[in-house]
Amino acid sequence: MSSQVQSGMDPVVLDDIIKRLKEVQSARPGKQVQLSEFEIKQLSVASREIFLHQPNLLELEAPIKICGIVRIPRQRRCAIER
């Protein structure tokens, strides 16, 4: 974690929230984590800031395997494949 989150959220508080969320990963399914509305808002703002500072595009190298269904119109797909 960076020493200071851009949103001004205290890194210690952010680390505590993340720790509480991770603690339930190994617990029984459906176990809830108690977070206040303020903590959820802070976490959302901090997450948004982190995502906004990430690049929009990734540089990838060939070969790339695409798995799943790619849903684009047939005409456009044919143009891409050319």
Protein backbone atom coordinates (compact mmCIF):
# COMPACT_ATOMS: atom_id res chain seq x y z
CA MET A 1 0.00 0.00 0.00
CA SER A 2 1.31 3.44 -0.77
CA SER A 3 2.22 5.64 2.16
CA GLN A 4 -0.65 7.97 1.37
CA VAL A 5 -3.85 7.31 -0.53
CA GLN A 6 -4.75 10.18 -2.90
CA SER A 7 -8.23 10.51 -1.35
CA GLY A 8 -6.68 11.54 1.97
CA MET A 9 -7.83 8.36 3.69
CA ASP A 10 -5.57 7.26 6.51
CA PRO A 11 -3.60 4.22 5.25
CA VAL A 12 -3.91 2.55 8.67
CA VAL A 13 -7.71 2.77 8.49
CA LEU A 14 -7.70 1.47 4.91
CA ASP A 15 -5.45 -1.45 5.89
CA ASP A 16 -7.79 -2.27 8.80
CA ILE A 17 -10.84 -2.35 6.50
CA ILE A 18 -9.02 -4.58 4.01
CA LYS A 19 -7.86 -6.88 6.85
CA ARG A 20 -11.45 -7.28 8.13
CA LEU A 21 -12.71 -8.04 4.62
CA LYS A 22 -9.98 -10.62 4.02
CA GLU A 23 -10.59 -12.35 7.37
CA VAL A 24 -13.98 -13.65 6.20
CA GLN A 25 -12.55 -15.25 3.04
CA SER A 26 -11.76 -18.43 4.96
CA ALA A 27 -14.89 -18.24 7.13
CA ARG A 28 -18.19 -19.93 6.45
CA PRO A 29 -20.09 -18.66 3.39
CA GLY A 30 -22.46 -15.82 4.18
CA LYS A 31 -20.50 -14.44 7.13
CA GLN A 32 -20.87 -10.69 7.19
CA VAL A 33 -18.34 -7.93 7.85
CA GLN A 34 -19.44 -4.96 9.91
CA LEU A 35 -18.52 -1.75 8.09
CA SER A 36 -19.98 1.64 8.81
CA GLU A 37 -21.49 3.71 6.02
CA PHE A 38 -18.57 6.14 6.41
CA GLU A 39 -16.01 3.32 5.99
CA ILE A 40 -17.77 2.08 2.85
CA LYS A 41 -17.78 5.59 1.39
CA GLN A 42 -14.09 6.05 2.23
CA LEU A 43 -13.24 2.69 0.67
CA SER A 44 -15.21 3.61 -2.47
CA VAL A 45 -13.46 6.96 -2.83
CA ALA A 46 -10.02 5.41 -2.27
CA SER A 47 -10.77 2.63 -4.79
CA ARG A 48 -12.00 5.14 -7.36
CA GLU A 49 -8.82 7.20 -7.02
CA ILE A 50 -6.65 4.12 -7.45
CA PHE A 51 -8.56 3.00 -10.57
CA LEU A 52 -8.49 6.48 -12.10
CA HIS A 53 -4.70 6.53 -11.83
CA GLN A 54 -4.37 3.23 -13.71
CA PRO A 55 -3.69 3.21 -17.46
CA ASN A 56 -6.72 2.71 -19.71
CA LEU A 57 -4.82 0.44 -22.08
CA LEU A 58 -2.49 -2.46 -21.48
CA GLU A 59 0.48 -3.33 -23.64
CA LEU A 60 0.24 -7.02 -24.49
CA GLU A 61 2.53 -9.26 -26.47
CA ALA A 62 1.55 -11.98 -28.93
CA PRO A 63 0.39 -14.67 -28.84
CA ILE A 64 -2.78 -13.90 -26.90
CA LYS A 65 -5.49 -16.46 -26.21
CA ILE A 66 -8.99 -15.05 -25.85
CA CYS A 67 -11.36 -17.35 -24.01
CA GLY A 68 -15.11 -16.96 -23.86
CA ILE A 69 -17.72 -15.54 -26.14
CA VAL A 70 -16.86 -12.35 -27.96
CA ARG A 71 -20.11 -10.68 -28.93
CA ILE A 72 -19.56 -8.27 -31.76
CA PRO A 73 -21.56 -7.98 -35.00
CA ARG A 74 -20.47 -10.40 -37.75
CA GLN A 75 -19.58 -7.62 -40.22
CA ARG A 76 -17.35 -5.90 -37.69
CA ARG A 77 -15.74 -9.20 -36.66
CA CYS A 78 -14.92 -9.97 -40.30
CA ALA A 79 -13.33 -6.53 -40.69
CA ILE A 80 -11.20 -7.09 -37.58
CA GLU A 81 -10.06 -10.53 -38.77
CA ARG A 82 -8.78 -9.16 -42.10
